[in-house]
Amino acid sequence: MIQTLRRNTLRTLLHLGAAAVLTGLIGPAGAQDRPIEWVVGYPAGGGSDMVARTLAEPMAQMLKRPVIINNRPGAATNIAADYVARSKDIGNIIFTADFATLAANPSLFAKLPYDPDRDFTPVGLLARFPMLLVVSNDVPARNWMEFAAWARAQPQGVNYASAGLGSPHHLSTELLRQMTGLKLTHVPYRGAAPAVQDLLGGQIKMGLMDTASVQQHVIAGRLRAIGVASAQRLKNFPDVPTLIEQGVKGYEAYAWQGLVVPSSTPKETVAQLHKALQAALDTTLVKARFHTLSLEALPGTPEQMTAYVKAERERWGKLIRENGFKIE
C-alpha cells in the first residue's frame, strides 16, 4: 500500500513537472532551457535572415537561452506577422518586423491579418540596409547623368527589378521615378535573390537593391553601381557617389528592420530582450558582420523605434496613396 502511494505520488509530481515545463510555469533555471523562436518573414539566406542569425548567437548567450530562427516567407511578411500576432507562446517568440510589415503594408493592403500597432510591442530597431542603384553590365552608363540620358533615350522606358510589390526596392524606385520624371516600369520578383539573378543575366537592366543582396556582385564586377541612395557614401564603396551628390536633391531611401514581440508580452521580458539586443549590436562579431554587408546598426530604445516607424509609415504611405498602389 505504501509503495503504491509512493509510486502514485511520484507519478503525480512528474506529471506536474512536465506540465510546468510545457507552460513555462517553472523557475528561472527551467525557463532558460526553453528556446526563443525568432520569426523572419523571408527565406533563409537573404538579408533579413542574415541579420537575425548574426544577432541570434550573442543574444542567446546573454539571455542564456537558445534562439531558433523560423523562416516564414510570403505575402510581404504578412504570413509571418499573422503567425506571431496569433501566437500563444508569449515570452518565447520574437519577430523581425521591417519596412513592409510596419510602414508600407498598412497603406498597401486593403485588409491586413494583423494590426501593426495593436498586435506588436517594439523591442528596438535592428539595422538599416543602404540601397544601391545597380545596372547590368551591358548598360552604357557609369554615373547618374549617363544613366538618366540612356534611360530617356529608350522608346519604351526602362524596366526595373524589385523584391516585390511594396518592398523598399519597389517604393524607393517609385520615389526616384517621381522625383526625376524618368519612365520606369516595375517588374516585381518574389524576393531580392531572383531579382538579382535576372540583373546578372541582363534580362532586366536596373534595380535599387539593398547592399546585402548585391554588394558581392558589385565588388566582383558582375553588376555596376551607379549611385547610393543614402545621404552619405558607403565605407565599402567610397568611390560610388550618392544620388544626392549627382543631382537628385533630397533623395534618400533605406530598407530597415526592427524587433517586436506580441503585445501581451510582459514588460519585464521586453526589457530583458531590449537589453540583450543593445548588447548584441555592440559586440565585435555583429559589428564586423554588419560592416561586411554595409549595414548600419540602429541601437536605441523602443520609444525611438516607435517614432521611426511612425515617420516612415507617413512618408511611404503618402507615396503609396499618391500612386494608387493597392493589394486586395
Protein backbone atom coordinates (compact mmCIF):
# COMPACT_ATOMS: atom_id res chain seq x y z
CA MET A 1 0.00 0.00 0.00
CA ILE A 2 2.76 2.43 0.99
CA GLN A 3 4.75 1.59 -2.16
CA THR A 4 1.66 2.16 -4.29
CA LEU A 5 1.08 5.57 -2.69
CA ARG A 6 4.71 6.48 -3.23
CA ARG A 7 4.51 5.46 -6.89
CA ASN A 8 1.30 7.46 -7.36
CA THR A 9 2.80 10.49 -5.64
CA LEU A 10 5.94 10.27 -7.77
CA ARG A 11 3.85 9.91 -10.94
CA THR A 12 1.78 12.97 -9.95
CA LEU A 13 4.89 15.03 -9.31
CA LEU A 14 6.37 14.01 -12.64
CA HIS A 15 3.17 14.99 -14.42
CA LEU A 16 3.10 18.34 -12.66
CA GLY A 17 6.72 18.93 -13.57
CA ALA A 18 6.08 18.13 -17.24
CA ALA A 19 3.08 20.44 -17.31
CA ALA A 20 5.13 23.19 -15.73
CA VAL A 21 7.81 22.83 -18.39
CA LEU A 22 5.25 22.94 -21.17
CA THR A 23 3.51 26.02 -19.83
CA GLY A 24 6.61 27.86 -18.71
CA LEU A 25 5.41 27.93 -15.08
CA ILE A 26 8.79 26.90 -13.71
CA GLY A 27 11.70 28.59 -12.07
CA PRO A 28 14.37 30.64 -13.89
CA ALA A 29 16.65 27.64 -14.40
CA GLY A 30 13.98 25.72 -16.30
CA ALA A 31 12.90 28.76 -18.30
CA GLN A 32 16.43 29.12 -19.61
CA ASP A 33 16.10 25.71 -21.30
CA ARG A 34 13.20 26.85 -23.46
CA PRO A 35 14.24 28.17 -26.88
CA ILE A 36 13.20 31.59 -28.14
CA GLU A 37 11.56 31.39 -31.57
CA TRP A 38 12.77 34.22 -33.84
CA VAL A 39 10.37 34.52 -36.77
CA VAL A 40 11.64 36.01 -40.05
CA GLY A 41 9.22 36.76 -42.88
CA TYR A 42 11.73 35.99 -45.65
CA PRO A 43 13.52 32.88 -46.93
CA ALA A 44 16.77 31.62 -45.43
CA GLY A 45 19.88 33.14 -46.97
CA GLY A 46 18.50 36.63 -47.60
CA GLY A 47 19.49 39.87 -45.90
CA SER A 48 16.78 39.68 -43.21
CA ASP A 49 17.73 36.11 -42.40
CA MET A 50 21.42 37.04 -42.16
CA VAL A 51 20.70 39.86 -39.71
CA ALA A 52 18.61 37.61 -37.47
CA ARG A 53 21.19 34.81 -37.46
CA THR A 54 24.01 37.26 -36.80
CA LEU A 55 22.23 38.70 -33.75
CA ALA A 56 20.75 35.41 -32.51
CA GLU A 57 24.05 33.98 -31.29
CA PRO A 58 25.15 36.84 -29.00
CA MET A 59 21.59 37.40 -27.78
CA ALA A 60 21.26 33.71 -26.90
CA GLN A 61 24.46 33.91 -24.86
CA MET A 62 23.26 36.98 -22.98
CA LEU A 63 19.77 35.61 -22.35
CA LYS A 64 21.18 32.17 -21.51
CA ARG A 65 18.55 30.62 -23.75
CA PRO A 66 18.80 29.11 -27.23
CA VAL A 67 17.40 31.17 -30.11
CA ILE A 68 15.98 29.32 -33.11
CA ILE A 69 15.26 31.07 -36.44
CA ASN A 70 11.91 30.23 -38.05
CA ASN A 71 11.62 31.44 -41.67
CA ARG A 72 8.00 32.04 -42.71
CA PRO A 73 8.18 33.89 -46.03
CA GLY A 74 5.33 35.15 -48.18
CA ALA A 75 2.78 37.93 -48.70
CA ALA A 76 5.20 40.77 -47.94
CA THR A 77 5.80 39.42 -44.39
CA ASN A 78 2.04 39.19 -43.68
CA ILE A 79 2.20 35.41 -43.18
CA ALA A 80 4.89 35.74 -40.53
CA ALA A 81 3.24 38.77 -38.91
CA ASP A 82 -0.09 36.96 -38.61
CA TYR A 83 1.64 33.90 -37.14
CA VAL A 84 3.34 35.98 -34.44
CA ALA A 85 0.28 38.13 -33.70
CA ARG A 86 -1.76 34.96 -33.06
CA SER A 87 0.93 33.13 -31.07
CA LYS A 88 0.07 31.97 -27.55
CA ASP A 89 3.71 31.24 -26.72
CA ILE A 90 4.10 34.63 -25.05
CA GLY A 91 7.58 35.37 -23.78
CA ASN A 92 9.17 32.85 -26.13
CA ILE A 93 8.59 34.39 -29.58
CA ILE A 94 10.12 37.43 -31.30
CA PHE A 95 9.72 38.78 -34.83
CA THR A 96 11.71 40.75 -37.38
CA ALA A 97 9.20 43.43 -38.40
CA ASP A 98 10.50 45.56 -41.22
CA PHE A 99 9.78 48.33 -43.74
CA ALA A 100 6.99 46.23 -45.27
CA THR A 101 5.39 44.98 -42.05
CA LEU A 102 5.21 48.30 -40.25
CA ALA A 103 5.47 51.10 -42.83
CA ALA A 104 4.23 50.00 -46.26
CA ASN A 105 1.66 47.24 -45.71
CA PRO A 106 -0.85 49.33 -43.69
CA SER A 107 -1.36 51.53 -46.78
CA LEU A 108 -0.66 48.91 -49.44
CA PHE A 109 -3.08 46.15 -48.41
CA ALA A 110 -6.84 46.65 -48.37
CA LYS A 111 -7.01 44.34 -45.35
CA LEU A 112 -4.25 43.07 -43.08
CA PRO A 113 -4.41 39.94 -40.88
CA TYR A 114 -2.70 41.93 -38.11
CA ASP A 115 -2.69 45.43 -36.65
CA PRO A 116 0.90 46.77 -36.56
CA ASP A 117 0.20 48.99 -33.54
CA ARG A 118 -2.23 46.85 -31.55
CA ASP A 119 -0.63 43.43 -32.03
CA PHE A 120 3.06 44.20 -31.54
CA THR A 121 5.29 45.85 -28.95
CA PRO A 122 8.65 47.20 -30.15
CA VAL A 123 11.90 45.91 -28.63
CA GLY A 124 14.24 48.02 -30.73
CA LEU A 125 15.47 48.70 -34.24
CA LEU A 126 18.00 46.29 -35.73
CA ALA A 127 19.62 47.72 -38.85
CA ARG A 128 19.26 49.81 -41.98
CA PHE A 129 20.15 48.38 -45.36
CA PRO A 130 21.60 51.02 -47.70
CA MET A 131 20.30 50.85 -51.25
CA LEU A 132 22.47 50.83 -54.38
CA LEU A 133 21.22 51.77 -57.82
CA VAL A 134 22.76 49.00 -59.91
CA VAL A 135 22.64 48.20 -63.63
CA SER A 136 23.60 45.18 -65.67
CA ASN A 137 26.98 45.42 -67.34
CA ASP A 138 25.54 45.94 -70.82
CA VAL A 139 24.05 49.31 -69.81
CA PRO A 140 26.37 52.04 -71.17
CA ALA A 141 26.36 54.20 -68.05
CA ARG A 142 28.77 54.70 -65.16
CA ASN A 143 27.08 57.55 -63.28
CA TRP A 144 23.62 59.04 -62.78
CA MET A 145 23.89 61.61 -65.59
CA GLU A 146 24.83 58.93 -68.12
CA PHE A 147 22.17 56.57 -66.81
CA ALA A 148 19.42 59.21 -66.97
CA ALA A 149 20.40 60.11 -70.54
CA TRP A 150 20.38 56.43 -71.54
CA ALA A 151 17.01 55.82 -69.84
CA ARG A 152 15.39 58.81 -71.58
CA ALA A 153 16.63 57.50 -74.93
CA GLN A 154 14.76 54.19 -74.52
CA PRO A 155 11.49 54.40 -76.51
CA GLN A 156 9.57 52.18 -74.09
CA GLY A 157 11.33 53.39 -70.96
CA VAL A 158 13.25 51.05 -68.65
CA ASN A 159 12.01 48.08 -66.64
CA TYR A 160 13.32 47.83 -63.08
CA ALA A 161 13.50 44.88 -60.71
CA SER A 162 12.31 44.78 -57.11
CA ALA A 163 11.91 42.22 -54.36
CA GLY A 164 8.14 42.56 -54.67
CA LEU A 165 5.23 44.99 -54.66
CA GLY A 166 5.54 47.32 -51.69
CA SER A 167 9.10 46.31 -50.92
CA PRO A 168 11.63 49.06 -50.14
CA HIS A 169 13.23 48.28 -53.51
CA HIS A 170 9.92 48.99 -55.25
CA LEU A 171 8.89 52.11 -53.35
CA SER A 172 12.40 53.59 -53.36
CA THR A 173 12.46 53.32 -57.16
CA GLU A 174 8.99 54.81 -57.45
CA LEU A 175 10.17 57.75 -55.37
CA LEU A 176 13.15 58.11 -57.71
CA ARG A 177 10.83 57.98 -60.74
CA GLN A 178 8.57 60.58 -59.19
CA MET A 179 11.45 62.93 -58.39
CA THR A 180 13.26 62.62 -61.75
CA GLY A 181 10.48 62.09 -64.31
CA LEU A 182 12.15 59.00 -65.80
CA LYS A 183 9.89 56.44 -67.45
CA LEU A 184 10.43 53.38 -65.24
CA THR A 185 8.24 50.26 -65.20
CA HIS A 186 8.06 47.98 -62.20
CA VAL A 187 8.83 44.24 -62.53
CA PRO A 188 8.23 42.63 -59.12
CA TYR A 189 10.00 39.42 -58.13
CA ARG A 190 9.43 37.06 -55.22
CA GLY A 191 12.35 38.29 -53.20
CA ALA A 192 15.64 40.02 -53.87
CA ALA A 193 17.55 36.88 -54.86
CA PRO A 194 15.62 36.11 -58.10
CA ALA A 195 15.63 39.81 -58.99
CA VAL A 196 19.41 39.91 -58.68
CA GLN A 197 19.74 36.77 -60.81
CA ASP A 198 17.90 38.45 -63.70
CA LEU A 199 20.00 41.59 -63.26
CA LEU A 200 23.13 39.44 -63.52
CA GLY A 201 21.76 37.74 -66.62
CA GLY A 202 20.80 41.02 -68.26
CA GLN A 203 17.12 40.10 -68.59
CA ILE A 204 16.37 43.28 -66.65
CA LYS A 205 18.62 46.32 -66.70
CA MET A 206 18.31 48.16 -63.39
CA GLY A 207 17.24 47.95 -59.78
CA LEU A 208 17.57 49.77 -56.49
CA MET A 209 18.76 46.87 -54.37
CA ASP A 210 19.91 46.53 -50.77
CA THR A 211 23.64 46.11 -50.19
CA ALA A 212 23.25 42.68 -48.61
CA SER A 213 21.81 41.38 -51.89
CA VAL A 214 24.16 42.97 -54.45
CA GLN A 215 27.37 44.01 -52.70
CA GLN A 216 29.31 40.87 -53.60
CA HIS A 217 28.29 41.17 -57.26
CA VAL A 218 29.31 44.82 -57.47
CA ILE A 219 32.71 44.08 -55.91
CA ALA A 220 33.21 41.17 -58.33
CA GLY A 221 32.31 43.37 -61.32
CA ARG A 222 29.21 41.41 -62.25
CA LEU A 223 26.96 44.44 -61.66
CA ARG A 224 27.75 48.17 -61.85
CA ALA A 225 26.81 50.57 -59.06
CA ILE A 226 25.56 53.93 -60.39
CA GLY A 227 24.79 55.63 -57.08
CA VAL A 228 23.96 55.27 -53.39
CA ALA A 229 20.51 56.12 -52.05
CA SER A 230 21.89 57.07 -48.61
CA ALA A 231 22.71 60.60 -47.53
CA GLN A 232 26.42 59.70 -47.25
CA ARG A 233 28.75 57.49 -49.26
CA LEU A 234 29.25 53.95 -48.00
CA LYS A 235 32.54 52.92 -46.40
CA ASN A 236 32.65 49.79 -48.55
CA PHE A 237 32.04 51.84 -51.72
CA PRO A 238 33.89 55.12 -51.20
CA ASP A 239 34.12 55.75 -54.95
CA VAL A 240 30.38 55.44 -55.58
CA PRO A 241 28.75 58.87 -55.08
CA THR A 242 25.32 59.32 -53.60
CA LEU A 243 22.42 60.16 -55.86
CA ILE A 244 22.10 63.42 -53.92
CA GLU A 245 25.67 64.32 -54.92
CA GLN A 246 24.79 63.54 -58.53
CA GLY A 247 21.90 65.97 -58.65
CA VAL A 248 18.87 64.09 -57.26
CA LYS A 249 18.37 66.59 -54.46
CA GLY A 250 16.72 65.35 -51.29
CA TYR A 251 16.61 61.71 -52.40
CA GLU A 252 17.21 59.22 -49.57
CA ALA A 253 15.86 55.72 -49.02
CA TYR A 254 16.68 52.60 -46.99
CA ALA A 255 15.41 49.17 -46.18
CA TRP A 256 15.25 48.67 -42.41
CA GLN A 257 14.23 46.21 -39.71
CA GLY A 258 13.17 46.18 -36.08
CA LEU A 259 12.50 43.57 -33.44
CA VAL A 260 8.98 43.23 -32.00
CA VAL A 261 7.07 40.84 -29.74
CA PRO A 262 3.35 40.12 -29.30
CA SER A 263 1.71 42.98 -27.44
CA SER A 264 0.79 40.78 -24.45
CA THR A 265 4.46 40.05 -23.71
CA PRO A 266 5.30 41.07 -20.11
CA LYS A 267 7.19 44.35 -19.74
CA GLU A 268 9.97 42.56 -17.86
CA THR A 269 10.53 40.24 -20.82
CA VAL A 270 10.56 43.16 -23.27
CA ALA A 271 13.15 44.90 -21.09
CA GLN A 272 15.35 41.78 -20.99
CA LEU A 273 15.15 41.37 -24.77
CA HIS A 274 15.92 45.04 -25.32
CA LYS A 275 18.97 44.86 -23.06
CA ALA A 276 20.25 41.75 -24.84
CA LEU A 277 19.66 43.32 -28.28
CA GLN A 278 21.55 46.50 -27.43
CA ALA A 279 24.46 44.50 -26.06
CA ALA A 280 24.49 42.24 -29.15
CA LEU A 281 24.55 45.22 -31.52
CA ASP A 282 27.65 46.43 -29.67
CA THR A 283 29.62 43.16 -29.98
CA THR A 284 32.68 42.88 -32.21
CA LEU A 285 31.14 39.91 -34.03
CA VAL A 286 27.99 41.80 -35.03
CA LYS A 287 29.84 44.99 -35.94
CA ALA A 288 32.22 43.06 -38.20
CA ARG A 289 29.40 41.17 -39.91
CA PHE A 290 27.34 44.31 -40.43
CA HIS A 291 30.38 46.10 -41.86
CA THR A 292 30.89 43.27 -44.34
CA LEU A 293 27.31 43.72 -45.56
CA SER A 294 27.44 47.57 -45.42
CA LEU A 295 24.65 47.54 -42.84
CA GLU A 296 24.08 50.31 -40.34
CA ALA A 297 23.23 49.15 -36.81
CA LEU A 298 20.37 51.09 -35.21
CA PRO A 299 20.71 50.89 -31.42
CA GLY A 300 18.06 52.72 -29.43
CA THR A 301 15.00 52.49 -27.23
CA PRO A 302 11.58 51.01 -28.03
CA GLU A 303 10.22 54.56 -27.98
CA GLN A 304 12.74 55.62 -30.62
CA MET A 305 11.66 52.69 -32.78
CA THR A 306 8.01 53.75 -32.42
CA ALA A 307 8.85 57.28 -33.59
CA TYR A 308 10.94 55.99 -36.51
CA VAL A 309 8.18 53.65 -37.66
CA LYS A 310 5.59 56.44 -37.47
CA ALA A 311 7.71 58.75 -39.65
CA GLU A 312 8.40 56.01 -42.21
CA ARG A 313 4.74 54.98 -42.36
CA GLU A 314 3.67 58.55 -43.04
CA ARG A 315 6.35 59.06 -45.70
CA TRP A 316 5.82 55.87 -47.68
CA GLY A 317 2.07 55.73 -47.08
CA LYS A 318 1.80 59.08 -48.84
CA LEU A 319 3.73 57.72 -51.84
CA ILE A 320 1.56 54.59 -51.97
CA ARG A 321 -1.68 56.59 -51.89
CA GLU A 322 -0.49 59.12 -54.46
CA ASN A 323 0.36 56.35 -56.92
CA GLY A 324 -2.69 54.22 -56.19
CA PHE A 325 -0.72 51.11 -55.23
CA LYS A 326 -3.06 48.54 -53.67
CA ILE A 327 -3.19 44.81 -52.98
CA GLU A 328 -6.60 43.29 -52.34
